[in-house]
C-alpha cells in the first residue's frame, strides 16, 4: 500500500506524530496510547517508490517497530537506524 508524505502529515497532524525526510526515506515517530504509564511511541519507515522525493510523490511503508518507546525521540532514533 502506498501513500504520500503530504497525506501522512495531514492525517497524523493532531496525533503528535513527527516526520523526517532522511535520504531516500520518510521516517515517522507516531503515538498510540497503550495505557497509563506505558510506552506509547512507535517508529515507522517509508521509502519513495520513484525518483521524486517531494511531499506529493508516492511512498510505501517498509517497516514499523514492534516495540513501543517512551518518547518520540527514541522512536525516531529507531527509525533512523533501520
C-alpha atoms as a PDB file:
ATOM      1  CA  UNK A   1       0.000   0.000   0.000  1.00  0.00           C
ATOM      2  CA  UNK A   2       1.349   3.430  -0.867  1.00  0.00           C
ATOM      3  CA  UNK A   3       0.620   6.991   0.186  1.00  0.00           C
ATOM      4  CA  UNK A   4       2.313  10.405   0.098  1.00  0.00           C
ATOM      5  CA  UNK A   5       4.233  12.306   2.794  1.00  0.00           C
ATOM      6  CA  UNK A   6       1.682  15.086   2.465  1.00  0.00           C
ATOM      7  CA  UNK A   7      -1.204  12.723   3.247  1.00  0.00           C
ATOM      8  CA  UNK A   8       0.596  11.229   6.264  1.00  0.00           C
ATOM      9  CA  UNK A   9       1.380  14.637   7.721  1.00  0.00           C
ATOM     10  CA  UNK A  10      -2.210  15.844   7.370  1.00  0.00           C
ATOM     11  CA  UNK A  11      -3.656  12.530   8.615  1.00  0.00           C
ATOM     12  CA  UNK A  12      -1.484  12.393  11.751  1.00  0.00           C
ATOM     13  CA  UNK A  13      -1.196  16.157  12.395  1.00  0.00           C
ATOM     14  CA  UNK A  14      -3.223  16.021  15.631  1.00  0.00           C
ATOM     15  CA  UNK A  15      -1.757  12.720  16.839  1.00  0.00           C
ATOM     16  CA  UNK A  16       1.643  14.056  17.973  1.00  0.00           C
ATOM     17  CA  UNK A  17       3.397  12.413  15.015  1.00  0.00           C
ATOM     18  CA  UNK A  18       6.787  13.663  13.846  1.00  0.00           C
ATOM     19  CA  UNK A  19       8.073  13.217  10.275  1.00  0.00           C
ATOM     20  CA  UNK A  20      11.603  13.496   8.946  1.00  0.00           C
ATOM     21  CA  UNK A  21      12.960  13.183   5.422  1.00  0.00           C
ATOM     22  CA  UNK A  22      16.165  11.149   5.733  1.00  0.00           C
ATOM     23  CA  UNK A  23      17.924  10.338   2.463  1.00  0.00           C
ATOM     24  CA  UNK A  24      15.521   8.321   0.312  1.00  0.00           C
ATOM     25  CA  UNK A  25      13.217   7.642   3.269  1.00  0.00           C
ATOM     26  CA  UNK A  26      10.472   9.336   5.237  1.00  0.00           C
ATOM     27  CA  UNK A  27      10.685   8.494   8.926  1.00  0.00           C
ATOM     28  CA  UNK A  28       7.805   8.719  11.356  1.00  0.00           C
ATOM     29  CA  UNK A  29       7.584   8.732  15.129  1.00  0.00           C
ATOM     30  CA  UNK A  30       3.944   8.201  15.973  1.00  0.00           C
ATOM     31  CA  UNK A  31       1.845   7.938  19.110  1.00  0.00           C
ATOM     32  CA  UNK A  32      -0.596   5.187  20.020  1.00  0.00           C
ATOM     33  CA  UNK A  33      -1.900   5.194  23.584  1.00  0.00           C
ATOM     34  CA  UNK A  34      -1.002   1.892  25.261  1.00  0.00           C
ATOM     35  CA  UNK A  35      -2.233   2.636  28.773  1.00  0.00           C
ATOM     36  CA  UNK A  36      -1.259   4.780  31.720  1.00  0.00           C
ATOM     37  CA  UNK A  37       2.498   4.917  32.309  1.00  0.00           C
ATOM     38  CA  UNK A  38       3.130   2.649  29.301  1.00  0.00           C
ATOM     39  CA  UNK A  39       5.462   3.287  26.364  1.00  0.00           C
ATOM     40  CA  UNK A  40       3.251   4.612  23.561  1.00  0.00           C
ATOM     41  CA  UNK A  41       5.519   5.857  20.729  1.00  0.00           C
ATOM     42  CA  UNK A  42       6.363   3.793  17.652  1.00  0.00           C
ATOM     43  CA  UNK A  43       8.707   4.238  14.715  1.00  0.00           C
ATOM     44  CA  UNK A  44       7.941   3.691  11.028  1.00  0.00           C
ATOM     45  CA  UNK A  45       9.971   3.887   7.834  1.00  0.00           C
ATOM     46  CA  UNK A  46       8.612   4.725   4.379  1.00  0.00           C
ATOM     47  CA  UNK A  47      10.604   4.712   1.123  1.00  0.00           C
ATOM     48  CA  UNK A  48       9.933   6.576  -2.102  1.00  0.00           C
ATOM     49  CA  UNK A  49       8.698   4.348  -4.912  1.00  0.00           C
ATOM     50  CA  UNK A  50      10.084   6.518  -7.737  1.00  0.00           C
ATOM     51  CA  UNK A  51      12.725   9.134  -8.437  1.00  0.00           C
ATOM     52  CA  UNK A  52      10.854  12.019  -6.828  1.00  0.00           C
ATOM     53  CA  UNK A  53      11.085  12.952  -3.176  1.00  0.00           C
ATOM     54  CA  UNK A  54       8.603  15.766  -2.702  1.00  0.00           C
ATOM     55  CA  UNK A  55       5.590  15.818  -0.406  1.00  0.00           C
ATOM     56  CA  UNK A  56       3.352  14.778  -3.323  1.00  0.00           C
ATOM     57  CA  UNK A  57       5.410  11.793  -4.533  1.00  0.00           C
ATOM     58  CA  UNK A  58       4.450   8.243  -3.653  1.00  0.00           C
ATOM     59  CA  UNK A  59       5.982   6.404  -0.702  1.00  0.00           C
ATOM     60  CA  UNK A  60       5.381   2.919   0.723  1.00  0.00           C
ATOM     61  CA  UNK A  61       5.647   1.590   4.248  1.00  0.00           C
ATOM     62  CA  UNK A  62       8.648  -0.704   4.695  1.00  0.00           C
ATOM     63  CA  UNK A  63       8.842  -1.339   8.449  1.00  0.00           C
ATOM     64  CA  UNK A  64       7.120  -0.431  11.737  1.00  0.00           C
ATOM     65  CA  UNK A  65       8.674  -1.004  15.147  1.00  0.00           C
ATOM     66  CA  UNK A  66       7.318  -3.992  17.034  1.00  0.00           C
ATOM     67  CA  UNK A  67       8.072  -2.327  20.346  1.00  0.00           C
ATOM     68  CA  UNK A  68       6.793   0.937  21.768  1.00  0.00           C
ATOM     69  CA  UNK A  69       9.134   3.641  23.099  1.00  0.00           C
ATOM     70  CA  UNK A  70       8.969   6.092  25.999  1.00  0.00           C
ATOM     71  CA  UNK A  71       9.216   9.179  23.737  1.00  0.00           C
ATOM     72  CA  UNK A  72       9.179  10.244  20.087  1.00  0.00           C
ATOM     73  CA  UNK A  73      12.951  10.856  20.074  1.00  0.00           C
ATOM     74  CA  UNK A  74      13.604   7.201  20.901  1.00  0.00           C
ATOM     75  CA  UNK A  75      11.093   6.114  18.252  1.00  0.00           C
ATOM     76  CA  UNK A  76      12.776   8.360  15.664  1.00  0.00           C
ATOM     77  CA  UNK A  77      16.235   7.041  16.637  1.00  0.00           C
ATOM     78  CA  UNK A  78      14.940   3.528  15.994  1.00  0.00           C
ATOM     79  CA  UNK A  79      13.597   4.574  12.571  1.00  0.00           C
ATOM     80  CA  UNK A  80      16.896   6.256  11.655  1.00  0.00           C
ATOM     81  CA  UNK A  81      18.783   3.050  12.463  1.00  0.00           C
ATOM     82  CA  UNK A  82      16.723   0.970  10.024  1.00  0.00           C
END
